[in-house]
Amino acid sequence: MTSRLRVHHVSRYSYDQPVSVSFNEARLTPLATPWQTPLESMLHIDEATWQHHYVDYWGTYVRAFEARRPHSELVIEATSVVEIDATLLPQPRLATS
């Protein structure tokens, strides 16, 4: 049995005073697994002046970005659609003593 989920996430950072530069990394893209298939993924960053992406040691898609204009708020918005196959979810293992 499969189902599709839309995941929406917003991170908002507000500063007391404008900052001139900020460097950040975002890990907001769903991971592909045997039970989860990402179908669509978008990341929007209002103040980003450049972006770069890479896959980290654990297989996570990472978006590195920098905001080089003065700003007093940084908003990161991620929206993804994933397909889940519940029949393929790993079963929890019970601890044995």
PDB file of N, CA and C in Angstrom:
ATOM      1  N   MET A   1       0.834  -1.177   0.000  1.00  0.00           N
ATOM      2  CA  MET A   1       0.000   0.000   0.000  1.00  0.00           C
ATOM      3  C   MET A   1       0.886   1.251   0.000  1.00  0.00           C
ATOM      4  N   THR A   2       0.715   2.112  -0.986  1.00  0.00           N
ATOM      5  CA  THR A   2       1.503   3.337  -1.065  1.00  0.00           C
ATOM      6  C   THR A   2       0.628   4.560  -0.812  1.00  0.00           C
ATOM      7  N   SER A   3       1.270   5.593  -0.332  1.00  0.00           N
ATOM      8  CA  SER A   3       0.584   6.869  -0.144  1.00  0.00           C
ATOM      9  C   SER A   3       1.565   7.989  -0.463  1.00  0.00           C
ATOM     10  N   ARG A   4       1.023   9.125  -0.815  1.00  0.00           N
ATOM     11  CA  ARG A   4       1.854  10.296  -1.106  1.00  0.00           C
ATOM     12  C   ARG A   4       1.645  11.339  -0.024  1.00  0.00           C
ATOM     13  N   LEU A   5       2.756  11.910   0.398  1.00  0.00           N
ATOM     14  CA  LEU A   5       2.724  12.941   1.427  1.00  0.00           C
ATOM     15  C   LEU A   5       3.384  14.207   0.892  1.00  0.00           C
ATOM     16  N   ARG A   6       2.783  15.327   1.224  1.00  0.00           N
ATOM     17  CA  ARG A   6       3.393  16.630   0.926  1.00  0.00           C
ATOM     18  C   ARG A   6       3.922  17.165   2.252  1.00  0.00           C
ATOM     19  N   VAL A   7       5.200  17.488   2.278  1.00  0.00           N
ATOM     20  CA  VAL A   7       5.849  17.966   3.491  1.00  0.00           C
ATOM     21  C   VAL A   7       6.263  19.415   3.258  1.00  0.00           C
ATOM     22  N   HIS A   8       5.853  20.293   4.176  1.00  0.00           N
ATOM     23  CA  HIS A   8       6.181  21.709   4.052  1.00  0.00           C
ATOM     24  C   HIS A   8       6.832  22.157   5.357  1.00  0.00           C
ATOM     25  N   HIS A   9       7.991  22.807   5.233  1.00  0.00           N
ATOM     26  CA  HIS A   9       8.729  23.253   6.416  1.00  0.00           C
ATOM     27  C   HIS A   9       9.238  24.674   6.185  1.00  0.00           C
ATOM     28  N   VAL A  10       9.119  25.514   7.221  1.00  0.00           N
ATOM     29  CA  VAL A  10       9.656  26.875   7.167  1.00  0.00           C
ATOM     30  C   VAL A  10      10.531  27.102   8.389  1.00  0.00           C
ATOM     31  N   SER A  11      11.758  27.552   8.160  1.00  0.00           N
ATOM     32  CA  SER A  11      12.645  28.012   9.232  1.00  0.00           C
ATOM     33  C   SER A  11      12.792  29.516   9.064  1.00  0.00           C
ATOM     34  N   ARG A  12      12.585  30.248  10.160  1.00  0.00           N
ATOM     35  CA  ARG A  12      12.672  31.704  10.111  1.00  0.00           C
ATOM     36  C   ARG A  12      13.632  32.167  11.205  1.00  0.00           C
ATOM     37  N   TYR A  13      14.663  32.904  10.807  1.00  0.00           N
ATOM     38  CA  TYR A  13      15.644  33.436  11.737  1.00  0.00           C
ATOM     39  C   TYR A  13      15.561  34.954  11.697  1.00  0.00           C
ATOM     40  N   SER A  14      15.307  35.563  12.837  1.00  0.00           N
ATOM     41  CA  SER A  14      15.234  37.026  12.943  1.00  0.00           C
ATOM     42  C   SER A  14      16.372  37.512  13.821  1.00  0.00           C
ATOM     43  N   TYR A  15      17.011  38.591  13.379  1.00  0.00           N
ATOM     44  CA  TYR A  15      18.149  39.146  14.093  1.00  0.00           C
ATOM     45  C   TYR A  15      17.776  40.498  14.691  1.00  0.00           C
ATOM     46  N   ASP A  16      18.332  40.835  15.828  1.00  0.00           N
ATOM     47  CA  ASP A  16      18.071  42.122  16.476  1.00  0.00           C
ATOM     48  C   ASP A  16      18.566  43.285  15.618  1.00  0.00           C
ATOM     49  N   GLN A  17      19.672  43.053  14.914  1.00  0.00           N
ATOM     50  CA  GLN A  17      20.255  44.063  14.039  1.00  0.00           C
ATOM     51  C   GLN A  17      20.561  43.410  12.695  1.00  0.00           C
ATOM     52  N   PRO A  18      20.596  44.179  11.628  1.00  0.00           N
ATOM     53  CA  PRO A  18      20.942  43.589  10.330  1.00  0.00           C
ATOM     54  C   PRO A  18      22.331  42.936  10.370  1.00  0.00           C
ATOM     55  N   VAL A  19      22.439  41.807   9.735  1.00  0.00           N
ATOM     56  CA  VAL A  19      23.732  41.143   9.577  1.00  0.00           C
ATOM     57  C   VAL A  19      24.160  41.315   8.127  1.00  0.00           C
ATOM     58  N   SER A  20      25.461  41.375   7.896  1.00  0.00           N
ATOM     59  CA  SER A  20      25.937  41.631   6.536  1.00  0.00           C
ATOM     60  C   SER A  20      26.185  40.343   5.751  1.00  0.00           C
ATOM     61  N   VAL A  21      26.555  39.261   6.453  1.00  0.00           N
ATOM     62  CA  VAL A  21      26.851  37.997   5.786  1.00  0.00           C
ATOM     63  C   VAL A  21      26.444  36.852   6.696  1.00  0.00           C
ATOM     64  N   SER A  22      25.869  35.807   6.109  1.00  0.00           N
ATOM     65  CA  SER A  22      25.660  34.570   6.875  1.00  0.00           C
ATOM     66  C   SER A  22      25.876  33.382   5.948  1.00  0.00           C
ATOM     67  N   PHE A  23      26.542  32.370   6.472  1.00  0.00           N
ATOM     68  CA  PHE A  23      26.813  31.137   5.728  1.00  0.00           C
ATOM     69  C   PHE A  23      26.064  30.018   6.427  1.00  0.00           C
ATOM     70  N   ASN A  24      25.344  29.198   5.663  1.00  0.00           N
ATOM     71  CA  ASN A  24      24.456  28.191   6.251  1.00  0.00           C
ATOM     72  C   ASN A  24      24.465  26.901   5.443  1.00  0.00           C
ATOM     73  N   GLU A  25      24.000  25.842   6.078  1.00  0.00           N
ATOM     74  CA  GLU A  25      23.738  24.569   5.409  1.00  0.00           C
ATOM     75  C   GLU A  25      22.338  24.125   5.795  1.00  0.00           C
ATOM     76  N   ALA A  26      21.601  23.591   4.833  1.00  0.00           N
ATOM     77  CA  ALA A  26      20.254  23.093   5.089  1.00  0.00           C
ATOM     78  C   ALA A  26      20.168  21.630   4.654  1.00  0.00           C
ATOM     79  N   ARG A  27      19.608  20.814   5.524  1.00  0.00           N
ATOM     80  CA  ARG A  27      19.366  19.403   5.222  1.00  0.00           C
ATOM     81  C   ARG A  27      17.861  19.186   5.298  1.00  0.00           C
ATOM     82  N   LEU A  28      17.175  19.555   4.224  1.00  0.00           N
ATOM     83  CA  LEU A  28      15.716  19.538   4.214  1.00  0.00           C
ATOM     84  C   LEU A  28      15.137  18.741   3.045  1.00  0.00           C
ATOM     85  N   THR A  29      15.965  17.965   2.366  1.00  0.00           N
ATOM     86  CA  THR A  29      15.505  17.128   1.263  1.00  0.00           C
ATOM     87  C   THR A  29      15.298  15.710   1.776  1.00  0.00           C
ATOM     88  N   PRO A  30      14.110  15.135   1.569  1.00  0.00           N
ATOM     89  CA  PRO A  30      13.871  13.768   2.061  1.00  0.00           C
ATOM     90  C   PRO A  30      14.839  12.762   1.453  1.00  0.00           C
ATOM     91  N   LEU A  31      15.220  11.811   2.267  1.00  0.00           N
ATOM     92  CA  LEU A  31      16.145  10.761   1.864  1.00  0.00           C
ATOM     93  C   LEU A  31      15.405   9.688   1.065  1.00  0.00           C
ATOM     94  N   ALA A  32      16.023   9.179   0.019  1.00  0.00           N
ATOM     95  CA  ALA A  32      15.467   8.046  -0.723  1.00  0.00           C
ATOM     96  C   ALA A  32      15.828   6.763   0.024  1.00  0.00           C
ATOM     97  N   THR A  33      14.822   5.960   0.338  1.00  0.00           N
ATOM     98  CA  THR A  33      15.014   4.690   1.033  1.00  0.00           C
ATOM     99  C   THR A  33      14.175   3.634   0.323  1.00  0.00           C
ATOM    100  N   PRO A  34      14.307   2.356   0.692  1.00  0.00           N
ATOM    101  CA  PRO A  34      13.460   1.349   0.056  1.00  0.00           C
ATOM    102  C   PRO A  34      11.958   1.610   0.249  1.00  0.00           C
ATOM    103  N   TRP A  35      11.571   2.296   1.314  1.00  0.00           N
ATOM    104  CA  TRP A  35      10.151   2.544   1.591  1.00  0.00           C
ATOM    105  C   TRP A  35       9.700   3.973   1.285  1.00  0.00           C
ATOM    106  N   GLN A  36      10.647   4.864   0.950  1.00  0.00           N
ATOM    107  CA  GLN A  36      10.306   6.263   0.688  1.00  0.00           C
ATOM    108  C   GLN A  36      10.980   6.742  -0.578  1.00  0.00           C
ATOM    109  N   THR A  37      10.175   7.255  -1.508  1.00  0.00           N
ATOM    110  CA  THR A  37      10.696   7.772  -2.765  1.00  0.00           C
ATOM    111  C   THR A  37      10.369   9.255  -2.882  1.00  0.00           C
ATOM    112  N   PRO A  38      11.378  10.126  -2.861  1.00  0.00           N
ATOM    113  CA  PRO A  38      11.110  11.545  -3.084  1.00  0.00           C
ATOM    114  C   PRO A  38      10.704  11.761  -4.546  1.00  0.00           C
ATOM    115  N   LEU A  39       9.573  12.406  -4.758  1.00  0.00           N
ATOM    116  CA  LEU A  39       9.094  12.669  -6.112  1.00  0.00           C
ATOM    117  C   LEU A  39       9.380  14.100  -6.544  1.00  0.00           C
ATOM    118  N   GLU A  40       9.401  14.992  -5.569  1.00  0.00           N
ATOM    119  CA  GLU A  40       9.598  16.407  -5.852  1.00  0.00           C
ATOM    120  C   GLU A  40      10.160  17.069  -4.605  1.00  0.00           C
ATOM    121  N   SER A  41      11.083  17.993  -4.788  1.00  0.00           N
ATOM    122  CA  SER A  41      11.644  18.694  -3.640  1.00  0.00           C
ATOM    123  C   SER A  41      12.108  20.083  -4.074  1.00  0.00           C
ATOM    124  N   MET A  42      11.650  21.100  -3.362  1.00  0.00           N
ATOM    125  CA  MET A  42      12.032  22.478  -3.662  1.00  0.00           C
ATOM    126  C   MET A  42      12.506  23.150  -2.382  1.00  0.00           C
ATOM    127  N   LEU A  43      13.550  23.950  -2.509  1.00  0.00           N
ATOM    128  CA  LEU A  43      14.067  24.713  -1.387  1.00  0.00           C
ATOM    129  C   LEU A  43      14.176  26.166  -1.833  1.00  0.00           C
ATOM    130  N   HIS A  44      13.521  27.055  -1.077  1.00  0.00           N
ATOM    131  CA  HIS A  44      13.545  28.479  -1.404  1.00  0.00           C
ATOM    132  C   HIS A  44      14.170  29.240  -0.242  1.00  0.00           C
ATOM    133  N   ILE A  45      15.161  30.072  -0.570  1.00  0.00           N
ATOM    134  CA  ILE A  45      15.863  30.868   0.442  1.00  0.00           C
ATOM    135  C   ILE A  45      15.845  32.308  -0.043  1.00  0.00           C
ATOM    136  N   ASP A  46      15.142  33.162   0.699  1.00  0.00           N
ATOM    137  CA  ASP A  46      14.955  34.552   0.274  1.00  0.00           C
ATOM    138  C   ASP A  46      16.250  35.299   0.020  1.00  0.00           C
ATOM    139  N   GLU A  47      17.183  35.210   0.926  1.00  0.00           N
ATOM    140  CA  GLU A  47      18.364  36.067   0.877  1.00  0.00           C
ATOM    141  C   GLU A  47      19.608  35.426   0.263  1.00  0.00           C
ATOM    142  N   ALA A  48      19.510  34.221  -0.240  1.00  0.00           N
ATOM    143  CA  ALA A  48      20.709  33.522  -0.731  1.00  0.00           C
ATOM    144  C   ALA A  48      21.297  34.226  -1.947  1.00  0.00           C
ATOM    145  N   THR A  49      22.612  34.462  -1.898  1.00  0.00           N
ATOM    146  CA  THR A  49      23.311  35.054  -3.040  1.00  0.00           C
ATOM    147  C   THR A  49      23.990  33.978  -3.891  1.00  0.00           C
ATOM    148  N   TRP A  50      24.295  32.839  -3.284  1.00  0.00           N
ATOM    149  CA  TRP A  50      24.781  31.683  -4.042  1.00  0.00           C
ATOM    150  C   TRP A  50      24.423  30.415  -3.268  1.00  0.00           C
ATOM    151  N   GLN A  51      24.341  29.305  -4.006  1.00  0.00           N
ATOM    152  CA  GLN A  51      24.025  28.007  -3.400  1.00  0.00           C
ATOM    153  C   GLN A  51      24.906  26.934  -4.025  1.00  0.00           C
ATOM    154  N   HIS A  52      25.196  25.933  -3.226  1.00  0.00           N
ATOM    155  CA  HIS A  52      25.972  24.770  -3.681  1.00  0.00           C
ATOM    156  C   HIS A  52      25.361  23.560  -2.988  1.00  0.00           C
ATOM    157  N   HIS A  53      25.406  22.405  -3.614  1.00  0.00           N
ATOM    158  CA  HIS A  53      24.860  21.219  -2.954  1.00  0.00           C
ATOM    159  C   HIS A  53      25.852  20.068  -3.014  1.00  0.00           C
ATOM    160  N   TYR A  54      25.732  19.185  -2.045  1.00  0.00           N
ATOM    161  CA  TYR A  54      26.554  17.984  -2.000  1.00  0.00           C
ATOM    162  C   TYR A  54      25.829  16.938  -1.167  1.00  0.00           C
ATOM    163  N   VAL A  55      26.300  15.716  -1.238  1.00  0.00           N
ATOM    164  CA  VAL A  55      25.757  14.622  -0.438  1.00  0.00           C
ATOM    165  C   VAL A  55      26.762  14.325   0.663  1.00  0.00           C
ATOM    166  N   ASP A  56      26.309  14.330   1.921  1.00  0.00           N
ATOM    167  CA  ASP A  56      27.228  14.145   3.035  1.00  0.00           C
ATOM    168  C   ASP A  56      27.518  12.660   3.292  1.00  0.00           C
ATOM    169  N   TYR A  57      28.280  12.401   4.319  1.00  0.00           N
ATOM    170  CA  TYR A  57      28.731  11.057   4.672  1.00  0.00           C
ATOM    171  C   TYR A  57      27.574  10.070   4.841  1.00  0.00           C
ATOM    172  N   TRP A  58      26.447  10.535   5.348  1.00  0.00           N
ATOM    173  CA  TRP A  58      25.293   9.661   5.618  1.00  0.00           C
ATOM    174  C   TRP A  58      24.332   9.576   4.447  1.00  0.00           C
ATOM    175  N   GLY A  59      24.671  10.194   3.329  1.00  0.00           N
ATOM    176  CA  GLY A  59      23.809  10.146   2.155  1.00  0.00           C
ATOM    177  C   GLY A  59      22.743  11.223   2.125  1.00  0.00           C
ATOM    178  N   THR A  60      22.880  12.221   2.972  1.00  0.00           N
ATOM    179  CA  THR A  60      21.911  13.307   3.037  1.00  0.00           C
ATOM    180  C   THR A  60      22.271  14.395   2.034  1.00  0.00           C
ATOM    181  N   TYR A  61      21.281  14.869   1.300  1.00  0.00           N
ATOM    182  CA  TYR A  61      21.464  15.966   0.351  1.00  0.00           C
ATOM    183  C   TYR A  61      21.565  17.267   1.146  1.00  0.00           C
ATOM    184  N   VAL A  62      22.663  17.987   0.985  1.00  0.00           N
ATOM    185  CA  VAL A  62      22.918  19.208   1.751  1.00  0.00           C
ATOM    186  C   VAL A  62      22.975  20.385   0.796  1.00  0.00           C
ATOM    187  N   ARG A  63      22.287  21.453   1.150  1.00  0.00           N
ATOM    188  CA  ARG A  63      22.366  22.689   0.384  1.00  0.00           C
ATOM    189  C   ARG A  63      23.134  23.711   1.219  1.00  0.00           C
ATOM    190  N   ALA A  64      24.292  24.116   0.739  1.00  0.00           N
ATOM    191  CA  ALA A  64      25.086  25.167   1.391  1.00  0.00           C
ATOM    192  C   ALA A  64      24.768  26.473   0.663  1.00  0.00           C
ATOM    193  N   PHE A  65      24.630  27.547   1.425  1.00  0.00           N
ATOM    194  CA  PHE A  65      24.313  28.831   0.806  1.00  0.00           C
ATOM    195  C   PHE A  65      24.846  29.974   1.659  1.00  0.00           C
ATOM    196  N   GLU A  66      24.950  31.108   1.015  1.00  0.00           N
ATOM    197  CA  GLU A  66      25.431  32.298   1.698  1.00  0.00           C
ATOM    198  C   GLU A  66      24.517  33.466   1.353  1.00  0.00           C
ATOM    199  N   ALA A  67      24.276  34.307   2.332  1.00  0.00           N
ATOM    200  CA  ALA A  67      23.538  35.554   2.136  1.00  0.00           C
ATOM    201  C   ALA A  67      24.533  36.687   2.370  1.00  0.00           C
ATOM    202  N   ARG A  68      24.905  37.389   1.310  1.00  0.00           N
ATOM    203  CA  ARG A  68      25.948  38.417   1.407  1.00  0.00           C
ATOM    204  C   ARG A  68      25.391  39.842   1.359  1.00  0.00           C
ATOM    205  N   ARG A  69      24.088  39.975   1.440  1.00  0.00           N
ATOM    206  CA  ARG A  69      23.478  41.300   1.512  1.00  0.00           C
ATOM    207  C   ARG A  69      23.010  41.530   2.940  1.00  0.00           C
ATOM    208  N   PRO A  70      23.020  42.756   3.410  1.00  0.00           N
ATOM    209  CA  PRO A  70      22.508  43.019   4.757  1.00  0.00           C
ATOM    210  C   PRO A  70      21.042  42.554   4.877  1.00  0.00           C
ATOM    211  N   HIS A  71      20.766  41.824   5.960  1.00  0.00           N
ATOM    212  CA  HIS A  71      19.396  41.345   6.178  1.00  0.00           C
ATOM    213  C   HIS A  71      19.146  41.190   7.673  1.00  0.00           C
ATOM    214  N   SER A  72      17.906  41.365   8.075  1.00  0.00           N
ATOM    215  CA  SER A  72      17.537  41.211   9.482  1.00  0.00           C
ATOM    216  C   SER A  72      16.692  39.971   9.702  1.00  0.00           C
ATOM    217  N   GLU A  73      16.398  39.243   8.613  1.00  0.00           N
ATOM    218  CA  GLU A  73      15.632  37.997   8.715  1.00  0.00           C
ATOM    219  C   GLU A  73      16.075  37.057   7.601  1.00  0.00           C
ATOM    220  N   LEU A  74      16.121  35.782   7.919  1.00  0.00           N
ATOM    221  CA  LEU A  74      16.457  34.762   6.945  1.00  0.00           C
ATOM    222  C   LEU A  74      15.336  33.723   6.971  1.00  0.00           C
ATOM    223  N   VAL A  75      14.721  33.484   5.818  1.00  0.00           N
ATOM    224  CA  VAL A  75      13.607  32.536   5.733  1.00  0.00           C
ATOM    225  C   VAL A  75      13.995  31.429   4.759  1.00  0.00           C
ATOM    226  N   ILE A  76      13.897  30.183   5.238  1.00  0.00           N
ATOM    227  CA  ILE A  76      14.191  29.008   4.427  1.00  0.00           C
ATOM    228  C   ILE A  76      12.902  28.201   4.351  1.00  0.00           C
ATOM    229  N   GLU A  77      12.442  27.925   3.142  1.00  0.00           N
ATOM    230  CA  GLU A  77      11.183  27.208   2.950  1.00  0.00           C
ATOM    231  C   GLU A  77      11.420  25.983   2.076  1.00  0.00           C
ATOM    232  N   ALA A  78      11.038  24.832   2.587  1.00  0.00           N
ATOM    233  CA  ALA A  78      11.211  23.575   1.856  1.00  0.00           C
ATOM    234  C   ALA A  78       9.858  22.907   1.668  1.00  0.00           C
ATOM    235  N   THR A  79       9.609  22.425   0.458  1.00  0.00           N
ATOM    236  CA  THR A  79       8.386  21.684   0.154  1.00  0.00           C
ATOM    237  C   THR A  79       8.787  20.448  -0.636  1.00  0.00           C
ATOM    238  N   SER A  80       8.303  19.291  -0.185  1.00  0.00           N
ATOM    239  CA  SER A  80       8.621  18.025  -0.853  1.00  0.00           C
ATOM    240  C   SER A  80       7.379  17.170  -0.973  1.00  0.00           C
ATOM    241  N   VAL A  81       7.387  16.299  -1.970  1.00  0.00           N
ATOM    242  CA  VAL A  81       6.365  15.278  -2.121  1.00  0.00           C
ATOM    243  C   VAL A  81       7.095  13.940  -2.126  1.00  0.00           C
ATOM    244  N   VAL A  82       6.662  13.030  -1.251  1.00  0.00           N
ATOM    245  CA  VAL A  82       7.275  11.706  -1.178  1.00  0.00           C
ATOM    246  C   VAL A  82       6.198  10.644  -1.298  1.00  0.00           C
ATOM    247  N   GLU A  83       6.591   9.512  -1.841  1.00  0.00           N
ATOM    248  CA  GLU A  83       5.701   8.357  -1.897  1.00  0.00           C
ATOM    249  C   GLU A  83       6.213   7.351  -0.879  1.00  0.00           C
ATOM    250  N   ILE A  84       5.315   6.887  -0.032  1.00  0.00           N
ATOM    251  CA  ILE A  84       5.650   5.958   1.039  1.00  0.00           C
ATOM    252  C   ILE A  84       5.006   4.603   0.750  1.00  0.00           C
ATOM    253  N   ASP A  85       5.780   3.547   0.868  1.00  0.00           N
ATOM    254  CA  ASP A  85       5.258   2.185   0.782  1.00  0.00           C
ATOM    255  C   ASP A  85       5.355   1.566   2.169  1.00  0.00           C
ATOM    256  N   ALA A  86       4.240   1.578   2.892  1.00  0.00           N
ATOM    257  CA  ALA A  86       4.221   1.118   4.281  1.00  0.00           C
ATOM    258  C   ALA A  86       4.582  -0.355   4.413  1.00  0.00           C
ATOM    259  N   THR A  87       4.410  -1.139   3.356  1.00  0.00           N
ATOM    260  CA  THR A  87       4.744  -2.566   3.439  1.00  0.00           C
ATOM    261  C   THR A  87       6.247  -2.791   3.492  1.00  0.00           C
ATOM    262  N   LEU A  88       7.030  -1.783   3.119  1.00  0.00           N
ATOM    263  CA  LEU A  88       8.485  -1.917   3.115  1.00  0.00           C
ATOM    264  C   LEU A  88       9.156  -1.261   4.317  1.00  0.00           C
ATOM    265  N   LEU A  89       8.367  -0.674   5.222  1.00  0.00           N
ATOM    266  CA  LEU A  89       8.952  -0.052   6.416  1.00  0.00           C
ATOM    267  C   LEU A  89       9.681  -1.086   7.256  1.00  0.00           C
ATOM    268  N   PRO A  90      10.841  -0.741   7.787  1.00  0.00           N
ATOM    269  CA  PRO A  90      11.554  -1.694   8.655  1.00  0.00           C
ATOM    270  C   PRO A  90      10.759  -1.946   9.944  1.00  0.00           C
ATOM    271  N   GLN A  91      10.814  -3.157  10.403  1.00  0.00           N
ATOM    272  CA  GLN A  91      10.121  -3.530  11.625  1.00  0.00           C
ATOM    273  C   GLN A  91      11.035  -3.267  12.819  1.00  0.00           C
ATOM    274  N   PRO A  92      10.490  -2.724  13.911  1.00  0.00           N
ATOM    275  CA  PRO A  92      11.328  -2.493  15.086  1.00  0.00           C
ATOM    276  C   PRO A  92      11.829  -3.813  15.662  1.00  0.00           C
ATOM    277  N   ARG A  93      13.060  -3.783  16.130  1.00  0.00           N
ATOM    278  CA  ARG A  93      13.627  -4.973  16.756  1.00  0.00           C
ATOM    279  C   ARG A  93      13.473  -4.841  18.273  1.00  0.00           C
ATOM    280  N   LEU A  94      13.020  -5.895  18.892  1.00  0.00           N
ATOM    281  CA  LEU A  94      12.875  -5.898  20.339  1.00  0.00           C
ATOM    282  C   LEU A  94      14.210  -6.208  20.993  1.00  0.00           C
ATOM    283  N   ALA A  95      14.509  -5.500  22.056  1.00  0.00           N
ATOM    284  CA  ALA A  95      15.766  -5.734  22.775  1.00  0.00           C
ATOM    285  C   ALA A  95      15.663  -7.060  23.538  1.00  0.00           C
ATOM    286  N   THR A  96      16.727  -7.826  23.468  1.00  0.00           N
ATOM    287  CA  THR A  96      16.761  -9.088  24.225  1.00  0.00           C
ATOM    288  C   THR A  96      17.814  -8.985  25.302  1.00  0.00           C
ATOM    289  N   SER A  97      17.523  -9.579  26.451  1.00  0.00           N
ATOM    290  CA  SER A  97      18.493  -9.497  27.539  1.00  0.00           C
ATOM    291  C   SER A  97      19.293 -10.762  27.648  1.00  0.00           C
TER     292      SER A  97
END
